[in-house]
Amino acid sequence: MPKIVDHAERRRTIVQATWRLIATQGIRATTMREIAREAGVANGTLVPYFTDKDAILTAAFEHVFAATNDRFARARSNQTGLAALRVMLIEIFPLDGERLLEARIVVAFWEHAATDPALNQLHQNTMARWRAEMLGYLEEAKREGQARSDLDTGLVADQLMAMLNGVQVLTVLSSDLGAAARLTAMLDDFLTRLN
């Protein structure tokens, strides 16, 4: 009787193996052969799930985005305005091992996306979704009196997006600059200045 394969689980295993390799070796060293070895499968086993390395990288980036959004949804509860915005940002900031691994994947993905139009579009789409969500919380904060009524929410959302990208790079490149307490204090100081 043939072995029954859980295809969704196999796909997750391949993506997680890709995460580990990108985090420890970077994208360039993460080859299809190395991914297969890390996932514990034959090299040819990858093709039914991912046609090439770009497809695996796309899945890894999408998985980071989905994992972050899932954490945020669980942590947000019924918070609104600046409180909800803070929870969202805390879930993206690389404050622990899991989020640092995600930051490593995202930073490595940026290098690849800079020269690949499809990956660049994926990045732009995901960042646009986060920016739109931030705008919603900022507008809510204004309506609820948590933020200044004259606050330029578009400008603040752009500043927050730049901060998110910056803290990911800082943390990946220098753990001293990306200490969790320091990053959290920086975020809280920024949010305090909005009211």
C-alpha atoms as a PDB file:
ATOM      1  CA  MET A   1       0.000   0.000   0.000  1.00  0.00           C
ATOM      2  CA  PRO A   2       1.481   3.390  -0.954  1.00  0.00           C
ATOM      3  CA  LYS A   3       2.419   5.822   1.797  1.00  0.00           C
ATOM      4  CA  ILE A   4      -0.146   8.605   2.249  1.00  0.00           C
ATOM      5  CA  VAL A   5       1.534  12.008   2.194  1.00  0.00           C
ATOM      6  CA  ASP A   6       0.019  15.037   3.919  1.00  0.00           C
ATOM      7  CA  HIS A   7       0.761  17.585   1.197  1.00  0.00           C
ATOM      8  CA  ALA A   8      -0.008  20.638   3.337  1.00  0.00           C
ATOM      9  CA  GLU A   9       2.337  19.351   6.038  1.00  0.00           C
ATOM     10  CA  ARG A  10       5.056  18.578   3.478  1.00  0.00           C
ATOM     11  CA  ARG A  11       4.749  22.103   2.091  1.00  0.00           C
ATOM     12  CA  ARG A  12       5.044  23.569   5.627  1.00  0.00           C
ATOM     13  CA  THR A  13       8.103  21.405   6.287  1.00  0.00           C
ATOM     14  CA  ILE A  14       9.783  22.717   3.134  1.00  0.00           C
ATOM     15  CA  VAL A  15       8.967  26.342   4.001  1.00  0.00           C
ATOM     16  CA  GLN A  16      10.257  25.902   7.562  1.00  0.00           C
ATOM     17  CA  ALA A  17      13.463  24.306   6.265  1.00  0.00           C
ATOM     18  CA  THR A  18      13.854  27.293   3.951  1.00  0.00           C
ATOM     19  CA  TRP A  19      13.390  29.641   6.928  1.00  0.00           C
ATOM     20  CA  ARG A  20      16.137  27.910   8.862  1.00  0.00           C
ATOM     21  CA  LEU A  21      18.557  27.990   5.939  1.00  0.00           C
ATOM     22  CA  ILE A  22      17.928  31.644   5.098  1.00  0.00           C
ATOM     23  CA  ALA A  23      18.387  32.582   8.750  1.00  0.00           C
ATOM     24  CA  THR A  24      21.687  30.737   9.089  1.00  0.00           C
ATOM     25  CA  GLN A  25      23.173  30.908   5.570  1.00  0.00           C
ATOM     26  CA  GLY A  26      21.337  33.651   3.668  1.00  0.00           C
ATOM     27  CA  ILE A  27      19.402  33.417   0.423  1.00  0.00           C
ATOM     28  CA  ARG A  28      22.380  32.840  -1.880  1.00  0.00           C
ATOM     29  CA  ALA A  29      23.460  29.714  -0.025  1.00  0.00           C
ATOM     30  CA  THR A  30      19.883  28.442   0.188  1.00  0.00           C
ATOM     31  CA  THR A  31      19.760  26.163  -2.834  1.00  0.00           C
ATOM     32  CA  MET A  32      17.068  23.681  -3.802  1.00  0.00           C
ATOM     33  CA  ARG A  33      19.455  20.861  -2.875  1.00  0.00           C
ATOM     34  CA  GLU A  34      20.122  22.363   0.566  1.00  0.00           C
ATOM     35  CA  ILE A  35      16.418  22.968   1.155  1.00  0.00           C
ATOM     36  CA  ALA A  36      15.634  19.343   0.314  1.00  0.00           C
ATOM     37  CA  ARG A  37      18.409  18.138   2.624  1.00  0.00           C
ATOM     38  CA  GLU A  38      17.230  20.381   5.472  1.00  0.00           C
ATOM     39  CA  ALA A  39      13.603  19.264   4.958  1.00  0.00           C
ATOM     40  CA  GLY A  40      14.665  15.607   4.924  1.00  0.00           C
ATOM     41  CA  VAL A  41      13.296  14.895   1.467  1.00  0.00           C
ATOM     42  CA  ALA A  42      14.750  13.959  -1.891  1.00  0.00           C
ATOM     43  CA  ASN A  43      15.642  16.898  -4.142  1.00  0.00           C
ATOM     44  CA  GLY A  44      13.022  15.866  -6.714  1.00  0.00           C
ATOM     45  CA  THR A  45      10.343  15.926  -4.012  1.00  0.00           C
ATOM     46  CA  LEU A  46      10.379  19.743  -3.977  1.00  0.00           C
ATOM     47  CA  VAL A  47       9.168  20.195  -7.567  1.00  0.00           C
ATOM     48  CA  PRO A  48       5.521  19.148  -7.045  1.00  0.00           C
ATOM     49  CA  TYR A  49       5.285  21.748  -4.271  1.00  0.00           C
ATOM     50  CA  PHE A  50       7.557  24.513  -5.572  1.00  0.00           C
ATOM     51  CA  THR A  51       8.726  24.812  -9.158  1.00  0.00           C
ATOM     52  CA  ASP A  52      11.875  26.762  -8.284  1.00  0.00           C
ATOM     53  CA  LYS A  53      13.709  28.667  -5.576  1.00  0.00           C
ATOM     54  CA  ASP A  54      11.691  31.854  -6.202  1.00  0.00           C
ATOM     55  CA  ALA A  55       8.476  29.950  -5.484  1.00  0.00           C
ATOM     56  CA  ILE A  56       9.902  28.728  -2.174  1.00  0.00           C
ATOM     57  CA  LEU A  57      11.107  32.234  -1.254  1.00  0.00           C
ATOM     58  CA  THR A  58       7.676  33.621  -2.048  1.00  0.00           C
ATOM     59  CA  ALA A  59       6.055  30.998   0.171  1.00  0.00           C
ATOM     60  CA  ALA A  60       8.527  31.743   2.983  1.00  0.00           C
ATOM     61  CA  PHE A  61       7.797  35.489   2.814  1.00  0.00           C
ATOM     62  CA  GLU A  62       4.030  34.881   2.672  1.00  0.00           C
ATOM     63  CA  HIS A  63       4.354  32.590   5.677  1.00  0.00           C
ATOM     64  CA  VAL A  64       6.136  35.329   7.660  1.00  0.00           C
ATOM     65  CA  PHE A  65       3.404  37.802   6.766  1.00  0.00           C
ATOM     66  CA  ALA A  66       0.628  35.351   7.700  1.00  0.00           C
ATOM     67  CA  ALA A  67       2.324  34.330  10.979  1.00  0.00           C
ATOM     68  CA  THR A  68       2.680  37.972  11.998  1.00  0.00           C
ATOM     69  CA  ASN A  69      -0.946  38.709  11.158  1.00  0.00           C
ATOM     70  CA  ASP A  70      -2.119  35.644  13.099  1.00  0.00           C
ATOM     71  CA  ARG A  71      -0.133  36.694  16.179  1.00  0.00           C
ATOM     72  CA  PHE A  72      -1.551  40.184  15.929  1.00  0.00           C
ATOM     73  CA  ALA A  73      -5.141  38.940  15.613  1.00  0.00           C
ATOM     74  CA  ARG A  74      -4.708  36.802  18.745  1.00  0.00           C
ATOM     75  CA  ALA A  75      -3.011  39.576  20.749  1.00  0.00           C
ATOM     76  CA  ARG A  76      -5.234  42.503  19.750  1.00  0.00           C
ATOM     77  CA  SER A  77      -8.370  41.342  21.574  1.00  0.00           C
ATOM     78  CA  ASN A  78     -10.840  44.247  21.508  1.00  0.00           C
ATOM     79  CA  GLN A  79      -8.281  47.063  21.523  1.00  0.00           C
ATOM     80  CA  THR A  80      -8.721  50.054  19.257  1.00  0.00           C
ATOM     81  CA  GLY A  81      -6.795  53.108  18.108  1.00  0.00           C
ATOM     82  CA  LEU A  82      -3.259  53.563  19.409  1.00  0.00           C
ATOM     83  CA  ALA A  83      -3.474  50.502  21.661  1.00  0.00           C
ATOM     84  CA  ALA A  84      -4.328  48.270  18.685  1.00  0.00           C
ATOM     85  CA  LEU A  85      -1.628  49.959  16.598  1.00  0.00           C
ATOM     86  CA  ARG A  86       0.949  49.322  19.315  1.00  0.00           C
ATOM     87  CA  VAL A  87       0.007  45.641  19.507  1.00  0.00           C
ATOM     88  CA  MET A  88       0.327  45.337  15.741  1.00  0.00           C
ATOM     89  CA  LEU A  89       3.774  46.926  15.724  1.00  0.00           C
ATOM     90  CA  ILE A  90       4.975  44.864  18.695  1.00  0.00           C
ATOM     91  CA  GLU A  91       4.043  41.716  16.785  1.00  0.00           C
ATOM     92  CA  ILE A  92       6.155  42.849  13.826  1.00  0.00           C
ATOM     93  CA  PHE A  93       9.165  44.172  15.763  1.00  0.00           C
ATOM     94  CA  PRO A  94      11.900  41.498  16.142  1.00  0.00           C
ATOM     95  CA  LEU A  95      11.639  41.246  19.931  1.00  0.00           C
ATOM     96  CA  ASP A  96      12.208  37.501  20.367  1.00  0.00           C
ATOM     97  CA  GLY A  97      13.734  34.526  18.581  1.00  0.00           C
ATOM     98  CA  GLU A  98      10.745  33.826  16.354  1.00  0.00           C
ATOM     99  CA  ARG A  99      10.346  37.434  15.228  1.00  0.00           C
ATOM    100  CA  LEU A 100      14.110  37.792  14.745  1.00  0.00           C
ATOM    101  CA  LEU A 101      14.041  34.770  12.435  1.00  0.00           C
ATOM    102  CA  GLU A 102      11.179  36.397  10.541  1.00  0.00           C
ATOM    103  CA  ALA A 103      13.192  39.625  10.253  1.00  0.00           C
ATOM    104  CA  ARG A 104      16.149  37.690   8.861  1.00  0.00           C
ATOM    105  CA  ILE A 105      13.912  36.146   6.234  1.00  0.00           C
ATOM    106  CA  VAL A 106      12.341  39.486   5.338  1.00  0.00           C
ATOM    107  CA  VAL A 107      15.693  41.289   5.061  1.00  0.00           C
ATOM    108  CA  ALA A 108      17.058  38.504   2.852  1.00  0.00           C
ATOM    109  CA  PHE A 109      13.854  38.569   0.801  1.00  0.00           C
ATOM    110  CA  TRP A 110      14.267  42.329   0.157  1.00  0.00           C
ATOM    111  CA  GLU A 111      17.573  41.748  -1.591  1.00  0.00           C
ATOM    112  CA  HIS A 112      15.952  39.245  -3.909  1.00  0.00           C
ATOM    113  CA  ALA A 113      12.788  41.320  -4.409  1.00  0.00           C
ATOM    114  CA  ALA A 114      14.818  44.366  -5.443  1.00  0.00           C
ATOM    115  CA  THR A 115      15.599  42.705  -8.798  1.00  0.00           C
ATOM    116  CA  ASP A 116      12.593  40.421  -9.250  1.00  0.00           C
ATOM    117  CA  PRO A 117       9.399  42.231 -10.345  1.00  0.00           C
ATOM    118  CA  ALA A 118       7.027  39.507  -9.100  1.00  0.00           C
ATOM    119  CA  LEU A 119       8.636  39.334  -5.657  1.00  0.00           C
ATOM    120  CA  ASN A 120       8.763  43.127  -5.521  1.00  0.00           C
ATOM    121  CA  GLN A 121       5.040  43.285  -6.245  1.00  0.00           C
ATOM    122  CA  LEU A 122       4.354  40.737  -3.496  1.00  0.00           C
ATOM    123  CA  HIS A 123       6.328  42.896  -1.070  1.00  0.00           C
ATOM    124  CA  GLN A 124       4.520  46.062  -2.125  1.00  0.00           C
ATOM    125  CA  ASN A 125       1.124  44.374  -1.733  1.00  0.00           C
ATOM    126  CA  THR A 126       1.853  43.075   1.755  1.00  0.00           C
ATOM    127  CA  MET A 127       3.297  46.391   2.923  1.00  0.00           C
ATOM    128  CA  ALA A 128       0.291  48.252   1.484  1.00  0.00           C
ATOM    129  CA  ARG A 129      -2.009  46.036   3.547  1.00  0.00           C
ATOM    130  CA  TRP A 130      -0.081  46.797   6.737  1.00  0.00           C
ATOM    131  CA  ARG A 131       0.016  50.515   5.939  1.00  0.00           C
ATOM    132  CA  ALA A 132      -3.755  50.556   5.331  1.00  0.00           C
ATOM    133  CA  GLU A 133      -4.316  48.806   8.653  1.00  0.00           C
ATOM    134  CA  MET A 134      -2.097  51.346  10.418  1.00  0.00           C
ATOM    135  CA  LEU A 135      -4.017  54.200   8.803  1.00  0.00           C
ATOM    136  CA  GLY A 136      -7.251  52.708  10.102  1.00  0.00           C
ATOM    137  CA  TYR A 137      -5.955  52.584  13.677  1.00  0.00           C
ATOM    138  CA  LEU A 138      -4.548  56.110  13.432  1.00  0.00           C
ATOM    139  CA  GLU A 139      -7.860  57.487  12.159  1.00  0.00           C
ATOM    140  CA  GLU A 140      -9.635  55.600  14.937  1.00  0.00           C
ATOM    141  CA  ALA A 141      -7.218  57.128  17.463  1.00  0.00           C
ATOM    142  CA  LYS A 142      -8.090  60.605  16.180  1.00  0.00           C
ATOM    143  CA  ARG A 143     -11.843  59.932  16.433  1.00  0.00           C
ATOM    144  CA  GLU A 144     -11.449  58.575  19.983  1.00  0.00           C
ATOM    145  CA  GLY A 145      -9.303  61.499  21.116  1.00  0.00           C
ATOM    146  CA  GLN A 146      -6.192  59.330  21.565  1.00  0.00           C
ATOM    147  CA  ALA A 147      -4.282  61.330  18.944  1.00  0.00           C
ATOM    148  CA  ARG A 148      -4.180  64.983  17.877  1.00  0.00           C
ATOM    149  CA  SER A 149      -7.027  65.999  15.607  1.00  0.00           C
ATOM    150  CA  ASP A 150      -4.582  67.609  13.140  1.00  0.00           C
ATOM    151  CA  LEU A 151      -2.414  64.476  12.908  1.00  0.00           C
ATOM    152  CA  ASP A 152      -1.341  63.670   9.332  1.00  0.00           C
ATOM    153  CA  THR A 153      -2.136  59.949   9.493  1.00  0.00           C
ATOM    154  CA  GLY A 154      -0.595  59.252   6.078  1.00  0.00           C
ATOM    155  CA  LEU A 155       2.712  60.761   7.132  1.00  0.00           C
ATOM    156  CA  VAL A 156       2.663  58.874  10.440  1.00  0.00           C
ATOM    157  CA  ALA A 157       1.877  55.593   8.671  1.00  0.00           C
ATOM    158  CA  ASP A 158       4.846  56.211   6.352  1.00  0.00           C
ATOM    159  CA  GLN A 159       7.077  56.934   9.364  1.00  0.00           C
ATOM    160  CA  LEU A 160       5.932  53.738  11.045  1.00  0.00           C
ATOM    161  CA  MET A 161       6.598  51.684   7.906  1.00  0.00           C
ATOM    162  CA  ALA A 162      10.116  53.154   7.751  1.00  0.00           C
ATOM    163  CA  MET A 163      10.570  52.384  11.452  1.00  0.00           C
ATOM    164  CA  LEU A 164       9.456  48.774  10.958  1.00  0.00           C
ATOM    165  CA  ASN A 165      11.872  48.246   8.097  1.00  0.00           C
ATOM    166  CA  GLY A 166      14.654  49.971   9.997  1.00  0.00           C
ATOM    167  CA  VAL A 167      14.310  47.986  13.199  1.00  0.00           C
ATOM    168  CA  GLN A 168      14.319  44.749  11.232  1.00  0.00           C
ATOM    169  CA  VAL A 169      17.605  45.692   9.570  1.00  0.00           C
ATOM    170  CA  LEU A 170      19.120  47.012  12.818  1.00  0.00           C
ATOM    171  CA  THR A 171      18.260  43.856  14.692  1.00  0.00           C
ATOM    172  CA  VAL A 172      19.509  41.514  11.986  1.00  0.00           C
ATOM    173  CA  LEU A 173      22.805  43.393  11.672  1.00  0.00           C
ATOM    174  CA  SER A 174      23.430  44.356  15.294  1.00  0.00           C
ATOM    175  CA  SER A 175      21.775  42.684  18.251  1.00  0.00           C
ATOM    176  CA  ASP A 176      22.938  45.518  20.557  1.00  0.00           C
ATOM    177  CA  LEU A 177      20.989  48.101  18.573  1.00  0.00           C
ATOM    178  CA  GLY A 178      17.974  45.822  18.392  1.00  0.00           C
ATOM    179  CA  ALA A 179      17.604  44.954  22.069  1.00  0.00           C
ATOM    180  CA  ALA A 180      13.925  44.294  22.818  1.00  0.00           C
ATOM    181  CA  ALA A 181      13.699  46.873  25.635  1.00  0.00           C
ATOM    182  CA  ARG A 182      15.292  49.555  23.470  1.00  0.00           C
ATOM    183  CA  LEU A 183      13.018  48.856  20.492  1.00  0.00           C
ATOM    184  CA  THR A 184       9.919  48.871  22.677  1.00  0.00           C
ATOM    185  CA  ALA A 185      10.959  52.162  24.335  1.00  0.00           C
ATOM    186  CA  MET A 186      11.543  53.705  20.895  1.00  0.00           C
ATOM    187  CA  LEU A 187       8.078  52.643  19.732  1.00  0.00           C
ATOM    188  CA  ASP A 188       6.369  53.872  22.903  1.00  0.00           C
ATOM    189  CA  ASP A 189       8.139  57.222  22.685  1.00  0.00           C
ATOM    190  CA  PHE A 190       7.004  57.642  19.089  1.00  0.00           C
ATOM    191  CA  LEU A 191       3.386  56.751  19.878  1.00  0.00           C
ATOM    192  CA  THR A 192       3.330  59.116  22.874  1.00  0.00           C
ATOM    193  CA  ARG A 193       4.211  62.015  20.560  1.00  0.00           C
ATOM    194  CA  LEU A 194       1.029  61.458  18.551  1.00  0.00           C
ATOM    195  CA  ASN A 195      -1.278  62.986  21.180  1.00  0.00           C
END
